[in-house]
Amino acid sequence: MVTIRIDGENLDVPEGSRLGSVVTGRSQGCCVAVIRPGTQEKEKTENLQIVTTKGEIRVEIPVSGRIPLDNPGFIDSLKLHWEDRYSAAFGPFPSDIIPDRRPHLYERGDLILGCGGYDPKQSYLVFSRMRHSADHGAGETGGVIGKVVSGRGVLDNWSAGDKITEIIPVIAWADTTRSFTTTDPELLLEEGMQIVTHVDLAVQGYGGDNIDTGCATSVEHLLLSLEDGTFHVDRAASTHIFDGRRTQVDVHAELKGPRREGTVTIRTKGQSGGALYIYTADVPSNPAHTVVAQVVHGIEIARLAKAGEIFSVRASPPRFDLIGLPLGDALKTAAARGITTHVDNQEGDRVVVGQAPGTTLEVLAKGTVSLVTEPLTRVIDIVLDDANAPDSCGIFRFLTGLWSHDVGQVPAFFIFDDVYLFKPVIPKGVKIIPENTPQEEVPAGALAITNEARKGVGLVGIRVSSHTEFGPTSEPFEGTNIIGRVVNPGVLKNIREKDIVFIREVKG
């Protein structure tokens, strides 16, 4: 027998056992962390924590040894010598650079080793505040020796009298190449091996009987993002991992705080707004990030995971969302979690189309939930074709609310012959490129959205009968993106123009 440790518990297994015999029930493709005994060592990372009189920043240094940290008096020399809208320089100090005597292009956050008057004895650490071209007295490659990876807002706050007070090489407990993530069920188990199968998160504000709803909205976005039980590592940096499946959405900034190892945040705005971050090292707080959870188990996976990998994650408490459930199932789900329900109508077969409060923490704190329902005869069941129209299906879910619930809604716009048209509100900047356009015939019951080739972009349509010339939105085929089909077209006869129509996504 050999003894291994799996998720903190010792387990004796027969010699020659494989990983697949002890790790079961994972979502397909999810990796686990494997840590062989005696492989942890204390090592320096390529990061520097730079402490200034206006705050802390962290810099990633790809080329080691370029900053003379050990030189006597180096830190004392790093006073703000000059600053403008483009950059800020600290120094001077001596270096061995050979000035190139020509301008170079720099990006915001670049850390440049340059000099004044082309004199290496008057060298400076120059921080680029914005994209610009300049001659900073740098070497022939431009002199970029690092990149600010956190605390960029500090760059804009420096003024006369500021200085760098400390530069600290970041020390981390890092695993060598003998520790890794894997999905291989045939991995041979060894004596003393540690296996971590998942990450557990405690969400902000949840403490059993003590529930703080101050972060309810951002926590709901976290629970929605992780509802399938997986974290997709779209980027693995030296300080964090990043899941960008639900981006380009604004999230309420509810709790600014330090981003220490194990902290989970959501970026609140910008191109990556809505993305999840798990931190594997301490970095300063950032106003564009709101704290939503803390890793309480499995930080090893976050440390070892590589870009492109997926791992299992569990958030506590699970999301409470009854929208889209048949009423009977919704009542059972609420009862199982100790929540009292108030229903607008319980006659006949109905489906939940709304709940109040709308967030998990608010429901759990209040202990009751009010449900709005619709009869099944007024709910259109659809199947979306993600395989052939992934972008258009994603846009449709976002426009109708199916992005966050199993039931969405859209206003009926115009009905004629066998065509039903719906007009969702299209936010500025949403582009619907041609995708999965029909070639010979549109089948009966097809669901489509008009693409950028036509003026009616964003119009959604259903055609009850097949057609060989025009799509479900009555546009020519080149302007039509087929995104799915209606499962119960008989419901359409109950729809009238200007009605708010409820749409339920079903599988298969």
Protein backbone atom coordinates (compact mmCIF):
# COMPACT_ATOMS: atom_id res chain seq x y z
CA MET A 1 0.00 0.00 0.00
CA VAL A 2 1.04 3.61 -0.58
CA THR A 3 -0.32 6.62 1.27
CA ILE A 4 -1.35 9.69 -0.66
CA ARG A 5 -3.11 12.87 0.44
CA ILE A 6 -6.15 13.92 -1.57
CA ASP A 7 -7.84 17.25 -0.82
CA GLY A 8 -6.29 17.27 2.65
CA GLU A 9 -7.26 13.71 3.62
CA ASN A 10 -4.88 10.75 3.83
CA LEU A 11 -5.80 7.75 1.69
CA ASP A 12 -4.15 4.33 1.46
CA VAL A 13 -4.24 2.81 -2.02
CA PRO A 14 -2.72 -0.36 -3.48
CA GLU A 15 0.73 0.04 -4.99
CA GLY A 16 0.45 0.65 -8.73
CA SER A 17 -2.85 2.55 -8.45
CA ARG A 18 -3.61 5.23 -11.01
CA LEU A 19 -5.05 8.71 -10.64
CA GLY A 20 -8.35 7.72 -12.25
CA SER A 21 -9.05 5.22 -9.48
CA VAL A 22 -9.15 7.89 -6.75
CA VAL A 23 -10.34 11.00 -8.63
CA THR A 24 -13.86 10.55 -9.98
CA GLY A 25 -16.84 12.75 -10.74
CA ARG A 26 -14.89 15.63 -12.28
CA SER A 27 -16.30 17.59 -15.18
CA GLN A 28 -14.75 16.40 -18.43
CA GLY A 29 -11.44 18.06 -19.17
CA CYS A 30 -10.86 19.41 -15.67
CA CYS A 31 -7.30 19.16 -14.37
CA VAL A 32 -6.07 18.40 -10.87
CA ALA A 33 -2.91 19.57 -9.11
CA VAL A 34 -0.29 16.92 -8.33
CA ILE A 35 2.45 17.77 -5.83
CA ARG A 36 5.19 15.22 -5.36
CA PRO A 37 6.82 15.05 -1.91
CA GLY A 38 9.77 17.27 -1.16
CA THR A 39 9.35 19.48 -4.24
CA GLN A 40 8.44 22.76 -2.60
CA GLU A 41 11.22 25.31 -2.48
CA LYS A 42 11.45 28.98 -1.71
CA GLU A 43 12.46 30.88 -4.83
CA LYS A 44 12.45 34.38 -6.20
CA THR A 45 9.92 35.22 -8.87
CA GLU A 46 10.56 37.68 -11.68
CA ASN A 47 8.39 40.27 -9.91
CA LEU A 48 9.42 43.34 -7.95
CA GLN A 49 7.19 45.13 -5.49
CA ILE A 50 8.00 48.85 -5.70
CA VAL A 51 6.88 50.93 -2.73
CA THR A 52 6.51 54.66 -3.35
CA THR A 53 5.26 57.58 -1.30
CA LYS A 54 2.01 57.50 -3.33
CA GLY A 55 1.39 53.74 -3.21
CA GLU A 56 2.66 50.37 -4.31
CA ILE A 57 3.09 48.92 -7.77
CA ARG A 58 4.27 45.53 -8.96
CA VAL A 59 6.60 45.17 -11.91
CA GLU A 60 7.30 42.02 -13.91
CA ILE A 61 10.96 41.87 -14.91
CA PRO A 62 11.63 39.48 -17.83
CA VAL A 63 15.38 40.23 -17.84
CA SER A 64 17.07 39.59 -14.48
CA GLY A 65 19.94 41.64 -13.08
CA ARG A 66 19.23 44.91 -14.93
CA ILE A 67 18.22 46.83 -11.79
CA PRO A 68 21.20 47.25 -9.40
CA LEU A 69 19.28 46.50 -6.22
CA ASP A 70 22.43 45.58 -4.29
CA ASN A 71 24.37 48.76 -5.11
CA PRO A 72 25.00 50.92 -2.01
CA GLY A 73 22.76 53.96 -1.96
CA PHE A 74 20.65 52.82 -4.91
CA ILE A 75 17.25 53.09 -3.18
CA ASP A 76 18.18 56.44 -1.59
CA SER A 77 18.81 57.86 -5.07
CA LEU A 78 15.35 57.07 -6.43
CA LYS A 79 13.63 60.43 -6.03
CA LEU A 80 11.22 61.76 -8.64
CA HIS A 81 13.54 63.81 -10.85
CA TRP A 82 11.01 64.87 -13.48
CA GLU A 83 7.54 64.00 -14.66
CA ASP A 84 5.13 65.00 -17.43
CA ARG A 85 1.95 63.60 -18.98
CA TYR A 86 3.95 60.90 -20.78
CA SER A 87 6.35 59.55 -18.17
CA ALA A 88 7.98 59.89 -14.74
CA ALA A 89 11.68 59.35 -13.96
CA PHE A 90 13.35 58.36 -10.67
CA GLY A 91 17.09 58.75 -10.03
CA PRO A 92 19.81 59.44 -10.91
CA PHE A 93 22.13 56.47 -10.40
CA PRO A 94 25.02 54.99 -12.41
CA SER A 95 24.48 52.17 -14.92
CA ASP A 96 26.31 50.55 -17.83
CA ILE A 97 23.82 51.27 -20.62
CA ILE A 98 25.00 52.54 -24.00
CA PRO A 99 22.55 55.23 -25.21
CA ASP A 100 21.11 54.67 -28.69
CA ARG A 101 20.46 58.41 -29.21
CA ARG A 102 17.13 57.97 -31.01
CA PRO A 103 13.46 57.84 -30.00
CA HIS A 104 11.59 54.59 -29.30
CA LEU A 105 7.89 53.75 -28.94
CA TYR A 106 6.65 52.95 -25.43
CA GLU A 107 3.34 51.64 -24.03
CA ARG A 108 1.63 52.56 -20.77
CA GLY A 109 3.21 50.64 -17.92
CA ASP A 110 6.61 50.12 -19.55
CA LEU A 111 9.56 50.43 -17.15
CA ILE A 112 12.52 51.93 -19.01
CA LEU A 113 16.18 52.14 -18.07
CA GLY A 114 17.38 55.42 -19.58
CA CYS A 115 19.77 58.26 -18.85
CA GLY A 116 19.96 62.04 -18.98
CA GLY A 117 22.28 63.83 -21.37
CA TYR A 118 23.33 60.44 -22.77
CA ASP A 119 25.41 60.00 -19.61
CA PRO A 120 25.09 56.49 -18.08
CA LYS A 121 26.22 57.93 -14.74
CA GLN A 122 22.96 59.88 -14.74
CA SER A 123 20.60 56.92 -15.30
CA TYR A 124 16.92 56.81 -14.40
CA LEU A 125 14.07 54.37 -13.94
CA VAL A 126 11.45 55.84 -16.30
CA PHE A 127 7.80 54.76 -16.00
CA SER A 128 5.67 55.28 -19.10
CA ARG A 129 2.32 56.85 -18.22
CA MET A 130 0.84 56.58 -21.70
CA ARG A 131 1.70 55.40 -25.21
CA HIS A 132 4.33 57.75 -26.61
CA SER A 133 7.51 58.01 -28.65
CA ALA A 134 10.56 59.60 -27.00
CA ASP A 135 14.32 59.50 -26.60
CA HIS A 136 14.91 58.61 -22.95
CA GLY A 137 18.61 57.92 -23.45
CA ALA A 138 17.95 54.19 -23.54
CA GLY A 139 19.89 51.39 -25.22
CA GLU A 140 19.41 50.20 -28.78
CA THR A 141 16.44 47.96 -27.93
CA GLY A 142 14.53 50.82 -26.28
CA GLY A 143 15.53 50.05 -22.72
CA VAL A 144 12.25 48.43 -21.60
CA ILE A 145 13.30 46.25 -18.67
CA GLY A 146 9.90 45.49 -17.19
CA LYS A 147 6.15 45.98 -17.23
CA VAL A 148 3.86 47.32 -14.49
CA VAL A 149 1.36 44.52 -13.87
CA SER A 150 -0.59 46.06 -11.00
CA GLY A 151 -1.02 49.46 -9.40
CA ARG A 152 -0.89 51.40 -12.68
CA GLY A 153 -3.08 54.11 -11.17
CA VAL A 154 -0.15 55.05 -8.93
CA LEU A 155 1.82 56.13 -12.02
CA ASP A 156 -0.57 59.04 -12.57
CA ASN A 157 -0.39 60.32 -8.98
CA TRP A 158 3.33 61.02 -8.64
CA SER A 159 4.34 64.65 -8.22
CA ALA A 160 7.27 66.71 -6.94
CA GLY A 161 8.71 65.32 -3.70
CA ASP A 162 7.67 61.71 -4.29
CA LYS A 163 10.23 58.91 -4.18
CA ILE A 164 10.68 55.17 -4.27
CA THR A 165 11.25 53.98 -0.70
CA GLU A 166 11.69 50.24 -1.23
CA ILE A 167 12.09 47.66 -3.98
CA ILE A 168 11.38 44.13 -2.82
CA PRO A 169 12.06 41.01 -4.88
CA VAL A 170 8.87 39.00 -4.51
CA ILE A 171 9.45 35.72 -2.71
CA ALA A 172 6.94 32.92 -3.24
CA TRP A 173 6.65 29.30 -2.34
CA ALA A 174 6.83 27.85 -5.80
CA ASP A 175 6.69 24.30 -6.99
CA THR A 176 9.35 22.88 -9.26
CA THR A 177 8.64 20.98 -12.46
CA ARG A 178 7.92 17.87 -10.37
CA SER A 179 4.61 19.47 -9.39
CA PHE A 180 2.07 20.09 -12.11
CA THR A 181 -1.53 19.94 -13.26
CA THR A 182 -2.82 16.98 -15.22
CA THR A 183 -5.93 15.36 -16.67
CA ASP A 184 -4.23 11.98 -17.20
CA PRO A 185 -6.20 9.20 -15.42
CA GLU A 186 -3.25 6.82 -15.93
CA LEU A 187 -0.85 8.85 -13.79
CA LEU A 188 0.91 6.46 -11.35
CA LEU A 189 0.31 7.34 -7.71
CA GLU A 190 3.42 7.61 -5.52
CA GLU A 191 4.04 7.47 -1.78
CA GLY A 192 3.46 10.89 -0.20
CA MET A 193 1.91 12.42 -3.31
CA GLN A 194 -0.57 15.25 -2.73
CA ILE A 195 -3.55 15.65 -5.06
CA VAL A 196 -5.85 18.68 -5.13
CA THR A 197 -8.98 18.11 -7.21
CA HIS A 198 -10.89 21.39 -6.95
CA VAL A 199 -10.99 24.94 -5.64
CA ASP A 200 -13.47 26.00 -2.96
CA LEU A 201 -14.54 29.64 -2.66
CA ALA A 202 -16.22 31.45 0.23
CA VAL A 203 -18.14 34.35 -1.27
CA GLN A 204 -17.99 37.82 0.20
CA GLY A 205 -20.73 38.55 2.72
CA TYR A 206 -21.86 34.98 3.35
CA GLY A 207 -21.37 33.60 6.83
CA GLY A 208 -24.23 31.23 7.51
CA ASP A 209 -26.72 33.16 9.66
CA ASN A 210 -24.77 36.39 9.20
CA ILE A 211 -25.31 37.54 5.61
CA ASP A 212 -24.11 40.93 4.37
CA THR A 213 -25.81 41.98 1.12
CA GLY A 214 -23.44 44.86 0.40
CA CYS A 215 -21.78 42.82 -2.37
CA ALA A 216 -24.91 41.00 -3.54
CA THR A 217 -24.80 42.18 -7.16
CA SER A 218 -21.13 41.43 -7.85
CA VAL A 219 -21.34 38.13 -5.96
CA GLU A 220 -24.28 37.16 -8.18
CA HIS A 221 -22.10 37.72 -11.24
CA LEU A 222 -19.47 35.44 -9.70
CA LEU A 223 -22.02 32.69 -8.98
CA LEU A 224 -23.44 33.00 -12.50
CA SER A 225 -19.97 32.84 -14.05
CA LEU A 226 -19.11 29.68 -12.11
CA GLU A 227 -22.54 28.05 -12.28
CA ASP A 228 -21.23 25.20 -14.43
CA GLY A 229 -18.65 24.37 -11.74
CA THR A 230 -15.56 25.21 -13.80
CA PHE A 231 -12.92 27.93 -14.03
CA HIS A 232 -11.41 28.42 -17.50
CA VAL A 233 -7.86 29.76 -17.36
CA ASP A 234 -7.76 32.18 -20.27
CA ARG A 235 -4.58 33.75 -18.93
CA ALA A 236 -2.04 32.65 -16.33
CA ALA A 237 0.19 35.49 -15.11
CA SER A 238 2.75 35.56 -12.32
CA THR A 239 0.25 37.11 -9.89
CA HIS A 240 -3.13 35.75 -10.98
CA ILE A 241 -5.21 33.58 -13.26
CA PHE A 242 -8.03 34.98 -15.34
CA ASP A 243 -11.38 33.61 -16.60
CA GLY A 244 -12.78 35.82 -19.35
CA ARG A 245 -15.87 33.89 -20.43
CA ARG A 246 -18.27 36.61 -19.25
CA THR A 247 -16.59 39.86 -20.22
CA GLN A 248 -17.52 43.22 -21.72
CA VAL A 249 -20.17 43.80 -19.06
CA ASP A 250 -20.13 46.41 -16.32
CA VAL A 251 -20.25 45.02 -12.78
CA HIS A 252 -20.99 47.13 -9.70
CA ALA A 253 -17.84 48.11 -7.79
CA GLU A 254 -18.99 47.16 -4.30
CA LEU A 255 -15.85 46.31 -2.31
CA LYS A 256 -12.39 47.68 -2.97
CA GLY A 257 -9.73 45.83 -1.04
CA PRO A 258 -6.23 44.36 -1.13
CA ARG A 259 -5.74 41.55 -3.62
CA ARG A 260 -3.87 39.04 -1.51
CA GLU A 261 -3.09 35.44 -2.43
CA GLY A 262 -6.39 33.60 -2.74
CA THR A 263 -8.50 36.73 -3.21
CA VAL A 264 -11.08 36.54 -6.02
CA THR A 265 -12.07 39.74 -7.79
CA ILE A 266 -14.16 40.82 -10.76
CA ARG A 267 -13.00 43.57 -13.07
CA THR A 268 -15.78 46.13 -13.04
CA LYS A 269 -15.38 47.90 -16.38
CA GLY A 270 -13.48 48.05 -19.64
CA GLN A 271 -12.84 45.42 -22.28
CA SER A 272 -12.31 42.79 -19.56
CA GLY A 273 -15.22 44.01 -17.42
CA GLY A 274 -16.92 40.98 -15.86
CA ALA A 275 -13.81 38.76 -15.93
CA LEU A 276 -12.85 36.73 -12.84
CA TYR A 277 -9.40 36.88 -11.27
CA ILE A 278 -7.90 34.54 -8.67
CA TYR A 279 -4.70 35.95 -7.18
CA THR A 280 -1.70 33.75 -6.48
CA ALA A 281 0.42 36.56 -5.04
CA ASP A 282 -0.22 39.76 -3.11
CA VAL A 283 -0.79 42.89 -5.20
CA PRO A 284 -2.20 46.33 -4.28
CA SER A 285 -5.90 47.10 -4.53
CA ASN A 286 -7.29 48.53 -7.76
CA PRO A 287 -10.43 50.68 -8.15
CA ALA A 288 -11.36 48.69 -11.29
CA HIS A 289 -11.61 45.46 -9.26
CA THR A 290 -14.25 44.50 -6.72
CA VAL A 291 -13.55 41.73 -4.19
CA VAL A 292 -16.12 38.91 -4.33
CA ALA A 293 -14.65 35.79 -2.70
CA GLN A 294 -11.70 34.06 -1.05
CA VAL A 295 -10.13 30.70 -1.90
CA VAL A 296 -10.48 28.44 1.13
CA HIS A 297 -9.21 25.26 -0.52
CA GLY A 298 -7.22 24.45 -3.63
CA ILE A 299 -4.94 27.47 -4.10
CA GLU A 300 -2.36 24.97 -5.39
CA ILE A 301 -4.39 24.51 -8.58
CA ALA A 302 -4.49 28.26 -9.15
CA ARG A 303 -0.71 28.47 -8.69
CA LEU A 304 0.04 25.64 -11.10
CA ALA A 305 -2.69 26.03 -13.73
CA LYS A 306 -1.63 27.06 -17.22
CA ALA A 307 -3.44 29.07 -19.86
CA GLY A 308 -6.01 26.92 -21.65
CA GLU A 309 -6.65 24.60 -18.70
CA ILE A 310 -9.93 24.11 -16.87
CA PHE A 311 -10.43 23.10 -13.25
CA SER A 312 -13.35 22.37 -10.95
CA VAL A 313 -14.50 25.16 -8.65
CA ARG A 314 -17.22 25.31 -6.00
CA ALA A 315 -18.60 28.52 -4.56
CA SER A 316 -20.49 28.66 -1.27
CA PRO A 317 -23.35 29.35 -1.20
CA PRO A 318 -24.60 27.98 -4.55
CA ARG A 319 -26.59 30.35 -6.70
CA PHE A 320 -30.30 30.69 -5.92
CA ASP A 321 -32.11 31.23 -9.21
CA LEU A 322 -35.58 29.84 -9.88
CA ILE A 323 -36.21 31.66 -13.17
CA GLY A 324 -36.91 29.19 -15.95
CA LEU A 325 -37.98 26.33 -13.69
CA PRO A 326 -41.45 24.80 -13.83
CA LEU A 327 -43.32 26.13 -10.81
CA GLY A 328 -43.47 22.76 -9.06
CA ASP A 329 -39.68 22.31 -9.35
CA ALA A 330 -39.10 25.88 -8.18
CA LEU A 331 -41.17 25.33 -5.03
CA LYS A 332 -39.26 22.15 -4.21
CA THR A 333 -35.90 23.87 -4.75
CA ALA A 334 -36.85 26.76 -2.49
CA ALA A 335 -38.13 24.44 0.24
CA ALA A 336 -34.93 22.39 0.15
CA ARG A 337 -32.94 25.57 0.89
CA GLY A 338 -35.32 26.77 3.60
CA ILE A 339 -36.79 29.65 1.60
CA THR A 340 -40.44 30.64 1.90
CA THR A 341 -42.14 31.34 -1.45
CA HIS A 342 -44.90 33.73 -2.48
CA VAL A 343 -46.37 32.97 -5.92
CA ASP A 344 -48.54 35.25 -8.04
CA ASN A 345 -50.61 32.41 -9.54
CA GLN A 346 -50.51 28.63 -9.10
CA GLU A 347 -53.29 27.63 -11.51
CA GLY A 348 -52.34 25.21 -14.28
CA ASP A 349 -48.89 24.45 -15.67
CA ARG A 350 -46.70 27.48 -15.13
CA VAL A 351 -43.05 28.48 -15.39
CA VAL A 352 -41.18 31.03 -13.25
CA VAL A 353 -40.26 34.15 -15.24
CA GLY A 354 -39.23 36.46 -12.41
CA GLN A 355 -38.13 36.44 -8.77
CA ALA A 356 -37.64 39.08 -6.11
CA PRO A 357 -35.18 39.60 -4.54
CA GLY A 358 -33.11 38.88 -7.61
CA THR A 359 -29.78 37.95 -6.03
CA THR A 360 -28.74 34.92 -4.02
CA LEU A 361 -27.46 36.80 -0.96
CA GLU A 362 -30.59 38.94 -0.73
CA VAL A 363 -32.88 35.89 -0.93
CA LEU A 364 -30.89 34.01 1.71
CA ALA A 365 -30.75 37.04 4.00
CA LYS A 366 -34.49 37.67 3.72
CA GLY A 367 -35.53 34.01 3.82
CA THR A 368 -38.40 34.58 1.40
CA VAL A 369 -38.80 35.02 -2.35
CA SER A 370 -41.67 36.26 -4.52
CA LEU A 371 -42.18 34.50 -7.84
CA VAL A 372 -43.75 35.79 -11.05
CA THR A 373 -45.05 33.05 -13.35
CA GLU A 374 -46.48 32.60 -16.82
CA PRO A 375 -48.58 29.72 -18.19
CA LEU A 376 -46.60 27.33 -20.38
CA THR A 377 -48.97 28.20 -23.23
CA ARG A 378 -47.31 31.65 -23.38
CA VAL A 379 -43.67 30.59 -23.15
CA ILE A 380 -41.73 29.84 -26.35
CA ASP A 381 -39.27 26.97 -25.98
CA ILE A 382 -36.21 27.25 -28.19
CA VAL A 383 -33.01 25.34 -28.90
CA LEU A 384 -30.00 27.48 -29.83
CA ASP A 385 -27.41 26.34 -32.36
CA ASP A 386 -24.10 27.20 -30.66
CA ALA A 387 -22.20 24.77 -32.87
CA ASN A 388 -22.90 26.74 -36.06
CA ALA A 389 -23.63 30.25 -34.76
CA PRO A 390 -21.75 30.71 -31.46
CA ASP A 391 -21.33 34.49 -31.69
CA SER A 392 -24.91 35.20 -32.76
CA CYS A 393 -26.30 32.87 -30.08
CA GLY A 394 -24.20 34.67 -27.47
CA ILE A 395 -25.53 38.05 -28.60
CA PHE A 396 -29.12 36.74 -28.59
CA ARG A 397 -28.73 35.45 -25.03
CA PHE A 398 -27.33 38.80 -23.94
CA LEU A 399 -30.14 40.79 -25.59
CA THR A 400 -32.94 38.67 -24.16
CA GLY A 401 -31.63 37.91 -20.65
CA LEU A 402 -30.94 34.25 -21.43
CA TRP A 403 -27.35 35.19 -20.66
CA SER A 404 -28.19 35.04 -16.94
CA HIS A 405 -31.40 32.98 -16.69
CA ASP A 406 -33.09 30.05 -18.43
CA VAL A 407 -36.01 32.32 -19.37
CA GLY A 408 -35.57 35.59 -21.23
CA GLN A 409 -37.95 38.12 -22.74
CA VAL A 410 -38.27 40.15 -25.89
CA PRO A 411 -41.01 42.52 -27.18
CA ALA A 412 -43.16 41.36 -30.10
CA PHE A 413 -42.79 43.89 -32.90
CA PHE A 414 -44.76 42.81 -35.96
CA ILE A 415 -46.74 39.74 -37.00
CA PHE A 416 -47.78 38.93 -40.54
CA ASP A 417 -48.58 35.74 -42.45
CA ASP A 418 -46.27 33.06 -41.01
CA VAL A 419 -43.62 35.45 -39.67
CA TYR A 420 -43.25 36.68 -36.08
CA LEU A 421 -40.84 39.57 -35.55
CA PHE A 422 -39.30 40.71 -32.26
CA LYS A 423 -37.26 43.84 -31.58
CA PRO A 424 -34.78 43.68 -28.68
CA VAL A 425 -32.84 46.77 -27.63
CA ILE A 426 -29.39 46.68 -29.27
CA PRO A 427 -26.68 48.34 -27.12
CA LYS A 428 -24.25 50.63 -28.88
CA GLY A 429 -21.21 48.79 -30.19
CA VAL A 430 -22.84 45.37 -30.63
CA LYS A 431 -21.87 43.94 -34.02
CA ILE A 432 -23.69 40.99 -35.59
CA ILE A 433 -21.50 39.64 -38.36
CA PRO A 434 -22.87 37.19 -40.97
CA GLU A 435 -22.84 33.70 -39.49
CA ASN A 436 -24.68 30.47 -40.36
CA THR A 437 -26.60 32.11 -43.21
CA PRO A 438 -29.03 29.74 -44.99
CA GLN A 439 -28.11 28.43 -48.44
CA GLU A 440 -31.12 26.76 -50.07
CA GLU A 441 -34.07 26.68 -47.68
CA VAL A 442 -35.06 27.92 -44.24
CA PRO A 443 -36.85 25.12 -42.38
CA ALA A 444 -40.16 25.62 -40.60
CA GLY A 445 -39.78 26.85 -37.03
CA ALA A 446 -36.36 28.43 -37.65
CA LEU A 447 -35.20 31.21 -35.33
CA ALA A 448 -32.92 33.92 -36.75
CA ILE A 449 -31.40 37.33 -36.17
CA THR A 450 -30.66 39.91 -38.86
CA ASN A 451 -26.95 40.59 -39.36
CA GLU A 452 -24.93 43.67 -40.32
CA ALA A 453 -25.62 43.18 -44.04
CA ARG A 454 -29.12 44.68 -43.63
CA LYS A 455 -30.51 47.87 -42.11
CA GLY A 456 -32.73 45.90 -39.74
CA VAL A 457 -29.72 44.52 -37.85
CA GLY A 458 -30.71 42.93 -34.53
CA LEU A 459 -34.29 42.11 -35.54
CA VAL A 460 -35.26 38.61 -34.35
CA GLY A 461 -37.71 36.47 -36.28
CA ILE A 462 -39.48 33.11 -36.35
CA ARG A 463 -40.93 31.66 -39.56
CA VAL A 464 -43.60 29.01 -39.05
CA SER A 465 -43.26 27.48 -42.53
CA SER A 466 -40.21 26.76 -44.70
CA HIS A 467 -39.04 29.23 -47.33
CA THR A 468 -36.49 29.17 -50.16
CA GLU A 469 -35.94 32.92 -50.56
CA PHE A 470 -36.38 34.82 -47.31
CA GLY A 471 -35.33 34.04 -43.75
CA PRO A 472 -37.33 34.22 -40.49
CA THR A 473 -36.85 38.01 -40.30
CA SER A 474 -38.11 38.37 -43.92
CA GLU A 475 -34.60 39.38 -45.02
CA PRO A 476 -32.69 37.75 -47.90
CA PHE A 477 -30.50 34.82 -46.92
CA GLU A 478 -27.28 36.88 -46.87
CA GLY A 479 -28.77 39.10 -44.12
CA THR A 480 -30.02 36.21 -42.01
CA ASN A 481 -28.16 34.40 -39.22
CA ILE A 482 -29.94 31.18 -38.24
CA ILE A 483 -29.45 30.78 -34.46
CA GLY A 484 -31.81 27.93 -33.57
CA ARG A 485 -35.33 26.59 -33.77
CA VAL A 486 -38.65 26.77 -31.93
CA VAL A 487 -39.66 23.57 -30.16
CA ASN A 488 -43.34 24.46 -29.62
CA PRO A 489 -44.44 26.66 -32.55
CA GLY A 490 -48.10 26.24 -31.56
CA VAL A 491 -47.52 28.77 -28.74
CA LEU A 492 -46.98 31.52 -31.30
CA LYS A 493 -50.69 31.82 -31.99
CA ASN A 494 -51.13 33.27 -28.49
CA ILE A 495 -48.79 36.19 -29.17
CA ARG A 496 -49.98 39.67 -30.07
CA GLU A 497 -48.01 42.69 -31.28
CA LYS A 498 -46.42 44.73 -28.44
CA ASP A 499 -46.62 41.76 -26.05
CA ILE A 500 -43.62 41.01 -23.88
CA VAL A 501 -42.82 37.47 -25.01
CA PHE A 502 -41.05 34.98 -22.74
CA ILE A 503 -38.48 32.62 -24.25
CA ARG A 504 -37.13 29.53 -22.51
CA GLU A 505 -33.95 27.81 -23.64
CA VAL A 506 -34.10 24.03 -23.54
CA LYS A 507 -31.44 21.48 -24.40
CA GLY A 508 -31.57 19.33 -27.52
